[in-house]
Amino acid sequence: MPKQKTHKGLTKRIKVTKTGKVRFFSPNSRHLKSNKRGVTVQTYRKGRFARDGDMKMYGKLLNRGLLSQQQHAVRKESPAAAAASAD
């Protein structure tokens, strides 16, 4: 039976943090910045976290369980409620 492989293109573009959140940098931020507004270029410098809607797709491509920023915040607020919702 073939092995489950991670999506190498995705692993090069994201970083999974210790808590399981997915961190990435904005696309279109590498070059050709002269025709973009200064505010736009400044927002490219910030790292971003993946949202709930993308987490299912990322989990399938990486073959592991992941948390979005909202899910992490809920677990951090009330660990008992998160454990109950996970079951």
C-alpha atoms as a PDB file:
ATOM      1  CA  MET A   1       0.000   0.000   0.000  1.00  0.00           C
ATOM      2  CA  PRO A   2       1.408   3.467  -0.879  1.00  0.00           C
ATOM      3  CA  LYS A   3       2.560   5.843   1.831  1.00  0.00           C
ATOM      4  CA  GLN A   4       0.764   9.052   2.759  1.00  0.00           C
ATOM      5  CA  LYS A   5       2.943  11.942   1.607  1.00  0.00           C
ATOM      6  CA  THR A   6       2.805  15.559   2.665  1.00  0.00           C
ATOM      7  CA  HIS A   7       2.288  18.256   0.070  1.00  0.00           C
ATOM      8  CA  LYS A   8       5.810  19.637  -0.388  1.00  0.00           C
ATOM      9  CA  GLY A   9       4.674  22.902  -1.972  1.00  0.00           C
ATOM     10  CA  LEU A  10       2.551  23.691   1.064  1.00  0.00           C
ATOM     11  CA  THR A  11       5.262  22.753   3.550  1.00  0.00           C
ATOM     12  CA  LYS A  12       7.606  25.264   1.902  1.00  0.00           C
ATOM     13  CA  ARG A  13       5.072  28.081   2.258  1.00  0.00           C
ATOM     14  CA  ILE A  14       3.786  27.592   5.807  1.00  0.00           C
ATOM     15  CA  LYS A  15       5.085  26.899   9.284  1.00  0.00           C
ATOM     16  CA  VAL A  16       3.161  24.849  11.821  1.00  0.00           C
ATOM     17  CA  THR A  17       3.727  26.264  15.299  1.00  0.00           C
ATOM     18  CA  LYS A  18       4.201  24.237  18.463  1.00  0.00           C
ATOM     19  CA  THR A  19       0.522  24.629  19.357  1.00  0.00           C
ATOM     20  CA  GLY A  20      -0.586  23.467  15.892  1.00  0.00           C
ATOM     21  CA  LYS A  21      -1.445  26.831  14.349  1.00  0.00           C
ATOM     22  CA  VAL A  22      -0.537  27.451  10.708  1.00  0.00           C
ATOM     23  CA  ARG A  23       1.551  30.569  10.101  1.00  0.00           C
ATOM     24  CA  PHE A  24       2.302  31.960   6.641  1.00  0.00           C
ATOM     25  CA  PHE A  25       3.320  35.154   4.918  1.00  0.00           C
ATOM     26  CA  SER A  26       1.199  37.034   2.451  1.00  0.00           C
ATOM     27  CA  PRO A  27       1.522  36.189  -1.241  1.00  0.00           C
ATOM     28  CA  ASN A  28       2.634  38.829  -3.788  1.00  0.00           C
ATOM     29  CA  SER A  29       5.147  40.230  -1.303  1.00  0.00           C
ATOM     30  CA  ARG A  30       8.463  39.128  -2.824  1.00  0.00           C
ATOM     31  CA  HIS A  31       9.137  41.536  -5.683  1.00  0.00           C
ATOM     32  CA  LEU A  32       7.527  44.140  -7.992  1.00  0.00           C
ATOM     33  CA  LYS A  33       6.756  46.426  -5.065  1.00  0.00           C
ATOM     34  CA  SER A  34       7.365  49.719  -6.882  1.00  0.00           C
ATOM     35  CA  ASN A  35       3.832  49.833  -8.285  1.00  0.00           C
ATOM     36  CA  LYS A  36       2.180  49.032  -4.927  1.00  0.00           C
ATOM     37  CA  ARG A  37       1.116  51.518  -2.258  1.00  0.00           C
ATOM     38  CA  GLY A  38       3.337  51.890   0.814  1.00  0.00           C
ATOM     39  CA  VAL A  39       0.565  50.695   3.137  1.00  0.00           C
ATOM     40  CA  THR A  40       0.170  47.563   1.046  1.00  0.00           C
ATOM     41  CA  VAL A  41       3.879  46.826   1.228  1.00  0.00           C
ATOM     42  CA  GLN A  42       3.824  47.350   5.011  1.00  0.00           C
ATOM     43  CA  THR A  43       1.011  44.828   5.440  1.00  0.00           C
ATOM     44  CA  TYR A  44       3.019  42.246   3.502  1.00  0.00           C
ATOM     45  CA  ARG A  45       5.644  42.253   6.287  1.00  0.00           C
ATOM     46  CA  LYS A  46       3.266  40.789   8.850  1.00  0.00           C
ATOM     47  CA  GLY A  47       2.936  37.073   9.270  1.00  0.00           C
ATOM     48  CA  ARG A  48      -0.596  35.711   9.217  1.00  0.00           C
ATOM     49  CA  PHE A  49      -2.395  32.738  10.710  1.00  0.00           C
ATOM     50  CA  ALA A  50      -4.707  30.461   8.752  1.00  0.00           C
ATOM     51  CA  ARG A  51      -8.448  30.746   9.384  1.00  0.00           C
ATOM     52  CA  ASP A  52     -11.048  28.094  10.150  1.00  0.00           C
ATOM     53  CA  GLY A  53     -12.178  27.634   6.545  1.00  0.00           C
ATOM     54  CA  ASP A  54      -8.729  26.614   5.320  1.00  0.00           C
ATOM     55  CA  MET A  55      -7.780  24.252   8.129  1.00  0.00           C
ATOM     56  CA  LYS A  56      -9.578  21.184   6.765  1.00  0.00           C
ATOM     57  CA  MET A  57      -7.763  21.501   3.438  1.00  0.00           C
ATOM     58  CA  TYR A  58      -4.383  22.092   5.125  1.00  0.00           C
ATOM     59  CA  GLY A  59      -4.916  19.106   7.399  1.00  0.00           C
ATOM     60  CA  LYS A  60      -5.581  16.833   4.432  1.00  0.00           C
ATOM     61  CA  LEU A  61      -2.536  18.084   2.524  1.00  0.00           C
ATOM     62  CA  LEU A  62      -0.228  17.701   5.525  1.00  0.00           C
ATOM     63  CA  ASN A  63      -1.816  14.514   6.927  1.00  0.00           C
ATOM     64  CA  ARG A  64      -2.062  15.851  10.471  1.00  0.00           C
ATOM     65  CA  GLY A  65      -4.425  17.683  12.796  1.00  0.00           C
ATOM     66  CA  LEU A  66      -4.122  21.458  12.890  1.00  0.00           C
ATOM     67  CA  LEU A  67      -5.668  24.383  14.776  1.00  0.00           C
ATOM     68  CA  SER A  68      -6.782  27.726  13.410  1.00  0.00           C
ATOM     69  CA  GLN A  69      -6.187  30.941  15.316  1.00  0.00           C
ATOM     70  CA  GLN A  70      -9.836  31.024  16.458  1.00  0.00           C
ATOM     71  CA  GLN A  71      -9.764  27.405  17.653  1.00  0.00           C
ATOM     72  CA  HIS A  72      -6.548  28.069  19.553  1.00  0.00           C
ATOM     73  CA  ALA A  73      -8.107  31.106  21.269  1.00  0.00           C
ATOM     74  CA  VAL A  74     -11.131  29.051  22.337  1.00  0.00           C
ATOM     75  CA  ARG A  75      -8.923  26.316  23.789  1.00  0.00           C
ATOM     76  CA  LYS A  76      -6.775  28.868  25.581  1.00  0.00           C
ATOM     77  CA  GLU A  77      -9.822  30.546  27.189  1.00  0.00           C
ATOM     78  CA  SER A  78     -11.505  27.432  28.500  1.00  0.00           C
ATOM     79  CA  PRO A  79      -9.581  24.148  28.338  1.00  0.00           C
ATOM     80  CA  ALA A  80     -12.511  22.244  29.869  1.00  0.00           C
ATOM     81  CA  ALA A  81     -14.939  23.424  27.179  1.00  0.00           C
ATOM     82  CA  ALA A  82     -12.449  22.597  24.416  1.00  0.00           C
ATOM     83  CA  ALA A  83     -11.967  19.090  25.765  1.00  0.00           C
ATOM     84  CA  ALA A  84     -15.719  18.561  25.849  1.00  0.00           C
ATOM     85  CA  SER A  85     -16.145  19.814  22.264  1.00  0.00           C
ATOM     86  CA  ALA A  86     -13.301  17.582  21.027  1.00  0.00           C
ATOM     87  CA  ASP A  87     -15.084  14.446  22.285  1.00  0.00           C
END
